[in-house]
Amino acid sequence: MPQDGHGTEEHDAGEHDAGKHVAREHVAGGETDMSVPSARRAAAALTAGLLTAGVLTGCGAGGRPADAAASPPAAAATAPTTAAPSSEPSSASTTASASASASSAPPSSAPSSAPPSSAAPTPTRAAEQPVVAPGTSGERVRELQARLQQLGHFTVGVTGYYGTVTRSSVAAFQRSRGLPGDGTVYAATWSALRAATRQPTHMETHPQTTNPLPAPDPRCTTGRVLCISKSARTLAWMSDGQVLMAMDVRFGSQYTPTRDGAFEVYWKSRDHHSTLYDSPMPFALFFSGGQAVHYSADFAANGYAGASHGCVNVRDRAKAAALFDQVRTGDKVVVYGP
């Protein structure tokens, strides 16, 4: 129901027109058992009834109290709706009765509003924002992976992308600490992880090797040493236990294995060429007979699909060149692993 005077007046004017329409139907003989005088008396009674009900007033309020416009009358809200609408005009008595009931019903009271609850909503896990979430990438993910590496939960190289492997690693850490193991890092998980680990170094968060560097062999912790792990397939150039440079390496096949042990660099050859295998061996650092650390173009092209003839192949030419320039004859070489 519109609440301004114009809308109500239009509605009441329609009821007025309906009353006149019904009166005309009676006068015109719409009901065959009525004489003309009887029709005139019925029309007069209808008009009197409408005046009594306050419908045929000219006021914009439509004959209802001023505050009735704020809400619909209770009688109108509870009017029966079971009868099917008729295409024919309604009788005068029905129209007058409905109009009188609508105008005489008391206005409904305004709905009361319940007082707001003083209890604060209980926070849920769905509303908590994760510190780091699956599908993201960046420096925080690198730190997460490096910290998980320290605890042995993340065993591949740090990539900076939060994929399925990282999620599984996070879930394993959460279970070990009695936290919900959903694989997403919320505040409680992040706090527990930070408390259990140290701040990762730049080399740990931005590794130079595909596989993580393992804990160095004890023979690598003093002096200048090329620390080479067969199982991790990494080479770490170290000085007094600190990693200065690291790189991916590969080794000889089962028929030409790379020898394990502690050696020394006895010869450096920048542009070496193997006469035995007729192949280039640039930036060669010889440490045991004909075996040396050197750059391999085949390793750079084919990765671990191939193998050397016993040498330690480096696939990054720039790193092989930098290593060659820093290493001196007499520096230690430690090769270890299965």
Protein backbone atom coordinates (compact mmCIF):
# COMPACT_ATOMS: atom_id res chain seq x y z
CA MET A 1 0.00 0.00 0.00
CA PRO A 2 1.51 3.36 -0.97
CA GLN A 3 2.10 5.66 1.98
CA ASP A 4 1.68 9.05 0.30
CA GLY A 5 -1.71 10.80 -0.05
CA HIS A 6 -1.79 10.74 -3.85
CA GLY A 7 -1.49 7.01 -4.09
CA THR A 8 -4.26 6.45 -1.52
CA GLU A 9 -6.55 8.90 -3.23
CA GLU A 10 -6.13 7.09 -6.52
CA HIS A 11 -7.08 3.84 -4.81
CA ASP A 12 -10.25 5.33 -3.23
CA ALA A 13 -11.24 6.99 -6.45
CA GLY A 14 -11.19 3.57 -8.02
CA GLU A 15 -13.56 2.28 -5.35
CA HIS A 16 -15.85 5.27 -6.04
CA ASP A 17 -15.90 4.45 -9.74
CA ALA A 18 -16.67 0.84 -8.90
CA GLY A 19 -19.68 1.93 -6.85
CA LYS A 20 -21.04 4.06 -9.65
CA HIS A 21 -20.42 1.21 -12.07
CA VAL A 22 -22.42 -1.19 -9.94
CA ALA A 23 -25.26 1.33 -9.62
CA ARG A 24 -25.38 1.74 -13.39
CA GLU A 25 -25.51 -2.02 -13.82
CA HIS A 26 -28.58 -2.14 -11.56
CA VAL A 27 -30.26 0.75 -13.39
CA ALA A 28 -29.55 -0.77 -16.76
CA GLY A 29 -31.24 -3.95 -15.71
CA GLY A 30 -28.09 -6.04 -15.16
CA GLU A 31 -30.13 -8.09 -12.67
CA THR A 32 -33.35 -9.10 -14.47
CA ASP A 33 -35.51 -9.65 -11.38
CA MET A 34 -35.25 -5.97 -10.33
CA SER A 35 -37.58 -3.17 -11.36
CA VAL A 36 -36.19 0.25 -12.16
CA PRO A 37 -37.45 1.83 -8.90
CA SER A 38 -35.90 -1.00 -6.97
CA ALA A 39 -32.61 -0.42 -8.79
CA ARG A 40 -32.73 3.27 -7.95
CA ARG A 41 -33.37 2.46 -4.27
CA ALA A 42 -30.45 0.01 -4.28
CA ALA A 43 -28.17 2.59 -5.87
CA ALA A 44 -29.20 5.15 -3.27
CA ALA A 45 -28.50 2.65 -0.47
CA LEU A 46 -25.12 1.91 -1.97
CA THR A 47 -24.22 5.57 -2.12
CA ALA A 48 -25.29 6.08 1.48
CA GLY A 49 -23.25 3.11 2.58
CA LEU A 50 -20.16 4.38 0.83
CA LEU A 51 -20.58 7.82 2.38
CA THR A 52 -20.96 6.24 5.81
CA ALA A 53 -17.80 4.18 5.28
CA GLY A 54 -15.90 7.30 4.32
CA VAL A 55 -15.02 6.05 0.84
CA LEU A 56 -16.65 8.81 -1.19
CA THR A 57 -14.71 11.66 0.39
CA GLY A 58 -12.48 13.90 -1.67
CA CYS A 59 -9.56 13.83 0.84
CA GLY A 60 -6.17 12.59 -0.16
CA ALA A 61 -6.10 10.40 2.97
CA GLY A 62 -8.97 8.32 1.62
CA GLY A 63 -11.12 8.64 4.76
CA ARG A 64 -8.60 6.74 7.01
CA PRO A 65 -6.80 8.21 10.02
CA ALA A 66 -3.51 9.91 9.15
CA ASP A 67 -1.32 7.23 10.79
CA ALA A 68 -3.14 4.40 9.01
CA ALA A 69 -1.10 5.06 5.89
CA ALA A 70 2.02 3.88 7.70
CA SER A 71 0.85 0.26 7.71
CA PRO A 72 -1.99 -1.72 6.06
CA PRO A 73 -5.14 -2.39 8.13
CA ALA A 74 -5.29 -5.71 9.90
CA ALA A 75 -8.58 -6.63 8.24
CA ALA A 76 -7.10 -6.13 4.78
CA ALA A 77 -4.13 -8.31 5.71
CA THR A 78 -6.39 -11.17 6.77
CA ALA A 79 -8.98 -10.96 3.99
CA PRO A 80 -9.87 -14.42 2.62
CA THR A 81 -8.21 -15.25 -0.68
CA THR A 82 -9.66 -18.66 -1.44
CA ALA A 83 -12.37 -17.49 -3.86
CA ALA A 84 -11.35 -17.36 -7.51
CA PRO A 85 -11.54 -13.86 -9.03
CA SER A 86 -14.62 -13.24 -11.16
CA SER A 87 -14.60 -11.51 -14.51
CA GLU A 88 -17.99 -10.06 -13.78
CA PRO A 89 -18.62 -6.89 -11.69
CA SER A 90 -19.22 -7.56 -7.97
CA SER A 91 -22.58 -6.87 -6.38
CA ALA A 92 -23.24 -3.60 -4.57
CA SER A 93 -23.62 -5.24 -1.18
CA THR A 94 -20.29 -7.07 -1.44
CA THR A 95 -18.42 -3.90 -2.47
CA ALA A 96 -19.96 -1.79 0.28
CA SER A 97 -19.31 -4.44 2.95
CA ALA A 98 -15.66 -4.85 1.99
CA SER A 99 -15.11 -1.08 1.90
CA ALA A 100 -16.73 -0.59 5.30
CA SER A 101 -14.68 -3.37 6.88
CA ALA A 102 -11.44 -1.98 5.45
CA SER A 103 -12.14 1.57 6.69
CA SER A 104 -13.38 0.63 10.17
CA ALA A 105 -10.61 -1.83 11.11
CA PRO A 106 -8.06 -0.40 13.56
CA PRO A 107 -4.59 0.17 12.14
CA SER A 108 -2.04 -2.47 12.98
CA SER A 109 0.62 -1.57 15.47
CA ALA A 110 4.18 -1.03 14.29
CA PRO A 111 6.34 -4.16 14.58
CA SER A 112 8.60 -4.16 17.58
CA SER A 113 12.28 -4.74 17.06
CA ALA A 114 14.13 -7.19 19.28
CA PRO A 115 17.03 -5.74 21.27
CA PRO A 116 20.42 -6.56 19.74
CA SER A 117 22.23 -9.46 21.29
CA SER A 118 25.14 -8.50 23.50
CA ALA A 119 27.00 -11.75 22.83
CA ALA A 120 29.92 -11.39 20.41
CA PRO A 121 29.95 -13.80 17.44
CA THR A 122 32.18 -16.82 17.86
CA PRO A 123 35.14 -16.63 15.44
CA THR A 124 35.35 -19.51 12.99
CA ARG A 125 38.26 -21.00 11.02
CA ALA A 126 36.56 -19.94 7.79
CA ALA A 127 36.76 -16.28 8.86
CA GLU A 128 40.48 -16.48 9.76
CA GLN A 129 42.85 -15.26 7.08
CA PRO A 130 45.79 -17.60 6.37
CA VAL A 131 49.35 -16.34 6.72
CA VAL A 132 50.38 -18.39 3.68
CA ALA A 133 47.91 -20.33 1.53
CA PRO A 134 48.15 -23.02 -1.17
CA GLY A 135 48.33 -21.68 -4.70
CA THR A 136 50.37 -18.61 -3.74
CA SER A 137 54.02 -17.80 -4.43
CA GLY A 138 56.67 -15.38 -3.24
CA GLU A 139 59.22 -14.75 -0.51
CA ARG A 140 56.97 -15.88 2.33
CA VAL A 141 56.51 -19.24 0.61
CA ARG A 142 60.30 -19.54 0.23
CA GLU A 143 60.73 -18.90 3.94
CA LEU A 144 58.03 -21.45 4.73
CA GLN A 145 59.70 -24.12 2.59
CA ALA A 146 63.17 -23.38 4.00
CA ARG A 147 61.89 -23.63 7.59
CA LEU A 148 60.16 -26.91 6.79
CA GLN A 149 63.44 -28.16 5.29
CA GLN A 150 65.20 -27.52 8.57
CA LEU A 151 62.77 -29.91 10.28
CA GLY A 152 62.92 -32.55 7.54
CA HIS A 153 59.32 -32.05 6.41
CA PHE A 154 60.22 -30.53 3.01
CA THR A 155 62.73 -32.65 1.10
CA VAL A 156 62.79 -31.03 -2.33
CA GLY A 157 64.28 -27.77 -3.53
CA VAL A 158 62.85 -24.43 -2.44
CA THR A 159 60.79 -23.08 -5.33
CA GLY A 160 58.72 -20.26 -3.85
CA TYR A 161 55.46 -21.86 -5.05
CA TYR A 162 52.92 -23.34 -2.60
CA GLY A 163 51.90 -26.51 -4.41
CA THR A 164 50.78 -29.97 -3.36
CA VAL A 165 54.20 -30.98 -2.02
CA THR A 166 54.37 -27.90 0.21
CA ARG A 167 50.81 -28.47 1.41
CA SER A 168 51.59 -32.07 2.36
CA SER A 169 54.71 -30.90 4.19
CA VAL A 170 52.73 -28.28 6.12
CA ALA A 171 50.10 -30.87 7.05
CA ALA A 172 52.83 -33.22 8.35
CA PHE A 173 54.26 -30.44 10.51
CA GLN A 174 50.78 -29.54 11.81
CA ARG A 175 50.10 -33.12 12.83
CA SER A 176 53.45 -33.30 14.62
CA ARG A 177 52.41 -30.27 16.70
CA GLY A 178 48.82 -31.32 17.35
CA LEU A 179 47.40 -28.65 15.04
CA PRO A 180 44.61 -29.10 12.48
CA GLY A 181 46.39 -30.82 9.58
CA ASP A 182 44.68 -29.07 6.68
CA GLY A 183 47.92 -27.99 4.98
CA THR A 184 47.15 -24.25 5.18
CA VAL A 185 49.33 -21.96 7.30
CA TYR A 186 47.24 -20.01 9.79
CA ALA A 187 48.64 -17.90 12.61
CA ALA A 188 49.00 -20.81 15.05
CA THR A 189 50.92 -22.92 12.53
CA TRP A 190 53.18 -20.02 11.54
CA SER A 191 54.00 -19.22 15.18
CA ALA A 192 54.80 -22.86 15.96
CA LEU A 193 57.00 -23.18 12.86
CA ARG A 194 58.95 -20.03 13.65
CA ALA A 195 59.47 -21.14 17.23
CA ALA A 196 60.85 -24.50 16.07
CA THR A 197 63.27 -23.15 13.43
CA ARG A 198 65.84 -20.42 12.86
CA GLN A 199 65.68 -17.63 10.33
CA PRO A 200 66.71 -19.15 6.96
CA THR A 201 69.69 -17.74 5.11
CA HIS A 202 69.41 -16.19 1.68
CA MET A 203 71.00 -19.28 0.15
CA GLU A 204 68.40 -21.46 1.85
CA THR A 205 65.49 -19.40 0.53
CA HIS A 206 67.11 -18.91 -2.90
CA PRO A 207 68.99 -22.18 -3.42
CA GLN A 208 71.51 -22.56 -6.19
CA THR A 209 70.75 -26.24 -6.68
CA THR A 210 67.73 -28.21 -7.82
CA ASN A 211 67.91 -30.50 -4.80
CA PRO A 212 68.46 -29.12 -1.31
CA LEU A 213 71.99 -29.08 -0.03
CA PRO A 214 72.44 -31.85 2.53
CA ALA A 215 74.21 -31.51 5.84
CA PRO A 216 77.88 -31.44 4.89
CA ASP A 217 80.18 -34.34 5.49
CA PRO A 218 82.28 -33.70 8.64
CA ARG A 219 85.39 -33.56 6.45
CA CYS A 220 83.91 -30.48 4.74
CA THR A 221 83.58 -28.32 7.85
CA THR A 222 87.12 -26.97 7.99
CA GLY A 223 89.29 -25.26 5.42
CA ARG A 224 88.62 -24.71 1.72
CA VAL A 225 86.85 -27.69 0.25
CA LEU A 226 84.75 -28.86 -2.66
CA CYS A 227 82.06 -30.84 -0.79
CA ILE A 228 80.37 -33.20 -3.30
CA SER A 229 77.31 -35.30 -2.38
CA LYS A 230 76.38 -38.16 -4.70
CA SER A 231 72.99 -38.75 -3.09
CA ALA A 232 71.92 -35.10 -3.30
CA ARG A 233 73.76 -34.56 -6.63
CA THR A 234 75.15 -31.26 -5.41
CA LEU A 235 78.52 -29.57 -5.09
CA ALA A 236 79.09 -26.97 -2.36
CA TRP A 237 82.18 -24.79 -2.43
CA MET A 238 82.85 -24.17 1.26
CA SER A 239 85.23 -22.29 3.50
CA ASP A 240 85.37 -23.21 7.19
CA GLY A 241 81.89 -24.68 7.13
CA GLN A 242 80.25 -21.79 5.21
CA VAL A 243 78.80 -22.40 1.76
CA LEU A 244 80.18 -19.88 -0.74
CA MET A 245 78.65 -21.37 -3.88
CA ALA A 246 76.56 -24.40 -4.80
CA MET A 247 75.60 -26.12 -8.05
CA ASP A 248 73.96 -29.19 -9.58
CA VAL A 249 76.32 -31.99 -10.59
CA ARG A 250 76.15 -35.50 -12.06
CA PHE A 251 78.52 -38.44 -11.87
CA GLY A 252 79.84 -41.45 -13.73
CA SER A 253 77.73 -44.48 -14.62
CA GLN A 254 77.99 -47.84 -12.91
CA TYR A 255 80.64 -48.84 -15.43
CA THR A 256 82.72 -45.72 -14.94
CA PRO A 257 81.90 -44.62 -11.37
CA THR A 258 83.14 -41.47 -9.70
CA ARG A 259 85.47 -42.41 -6.86
CA ASP A 260 84.51 -41.63 -3.27
CA GLY A 261 87.01 -40.24 -0.78
CA ALA A 262 89.01 -37.19 0.25
CA PHE A 263 91.32 -35.73 -2.39
CA GLU A 264 93.08 -32.53 -3.38
CA VAL A 265 92.98 -30.43 -6.53
CA TYR A 266 96.29 -31.22 -8.18
CA TRP A 267 95.81 -29.59 -11.58
CA LYS A 268 93.68 -26.88 -13.19
CA SER A 269 93.06 -26.76 -16.94
CA ARG A 270 90.77 -24.01 -18.23
CA ASP A 271 90.24 -25.26 -21.79
CA HIS A 272 90.96 -28.94 -21.33
CA HIS A 273 90.05 -31.51 -24.01
CA SER A 274 89.90 -35.24 -23.24
CA THR A 275 92.14 -37.25 -25.56
CA LEU A 276 90.73 -40.52 -24.19
CA TYR A 277 87.09 -39.67 -25.03
CA ASP A 278 87.71 -36.85 -27.51
CA SER A 279 85.40 -34.47 -25.65
CA PRO A 280 85.80 -30.96 -24.24
CA MET A 281 86.29 -30.54 -20.47
CA PRO A 282 86.33 -26.76 -19.89
CA PHE A 283 87.21 -25.38 -16.43
CA ALA A 284 88.63 -28.75 -15.32
CA LEU A 285 89.75 -29.19 -11.70
CA PHE A 286 91.52 -32.58 -11.52
CA PHE A 287 91.44 -34.35 -8.17
CA SER A 288 91.90 -38.14 -8.78
CA GLY A 289 93.76 -39.51 -11.79
CA GLY A 290 91.78 -38.50 -14.88
CA GLN A 291 88.67 -37.53 -12.88
CA ALA A 292 87.90 -33.83 -12.55
CA VAL A 293 85.17 -31.32 -11.79
CA HIS A 294 84.32 -29.57 -15.08
CA TYR A 295 81.54 -28.00 -17.15
CA SER A 296 79.55 -30.40 -19.36
CA ALA A 297 77.55 -29.18 -22.35
CA ASP A 298 75.87 -32.60 -22.49
CA PHE A 299 74.68 -32.22 -18.88
CA ALA A 300 73.36 -28.75 -19.68
CA ALA A 301 71.42 -30.13 -22.67
CA ASN A 302 70.22 -33.52 -21.39
CA GLY A 303 70.27 -33.27 -17.60
CA TYR A 304 70.36 -36.47 -15.63
CA ALA A 305 69.39 -38.58 -18.62
CA GLY A 306 73.09 -39.15 -19.23
CA ALA A 307 76.21 -39.71 -17.16
CA SER A 308 79.91 -38.89 -17.19
CA HIS A 309 82.89 -41.19 -17.61
CA GLY A 310 83.76 -40.71 -13.93
CA CYS A 311 84.11 -36.94 -13.76
CA VAL A 312 81.90 -34.55 -11.75
CA ASN A 313 79.90 -32.68 -14.38
CA VAL A 314 78.60 -29.15 -13.76
CA ARG A 315 75.72 -27.94 -15.95
CA ASP A 316 75.92 -24.21 -15.20
CA ARG A 317 78.79 -22.81 -17.29
CA ALA A 318 78.94 -19.49 -15.42
CA LYS A 319 79.23 -21.25 -12.07
CA ALA A 320 81.84 -23.66 -13.41
CA ALA A 321 83.89 -20.67 -14.59
CA ALA A 322 83.52 -18.83 -11.26
CA LEU A 323 84.49 -21.97 -9.35
CA PHE A 324 87.55 -22.47 -11.52
CA ASP A 325 88.70 -18.92 -10.73
CA GLN A 326 88.25 -19.31 -6.95
CA VAL A 327 89.63 -22.79 -6.34
CA ARG A 328 93.40 -23.19 -5.94
CA THR A 329 95.56 -26.27 -6.32
CA GLY A 330 95.85 -27.97 -2.96
CA ASP A 331 92.24 -27.26 -1.96
CA LYS A 332 90.38 -30.31 -0.63
CA VAL A 333 87.81 -32.34 -2.55
CA VAL A 334 85.45 -34.61 -0.60
CA VAL A 335 83.20 -36.97 -2.57
CA TYR A 336 80.73 -38.96 -0.49
CA GLY A 337 77.46 -40.84 -0.77
CA PRO A 338 76.13 -44.20 -1.93
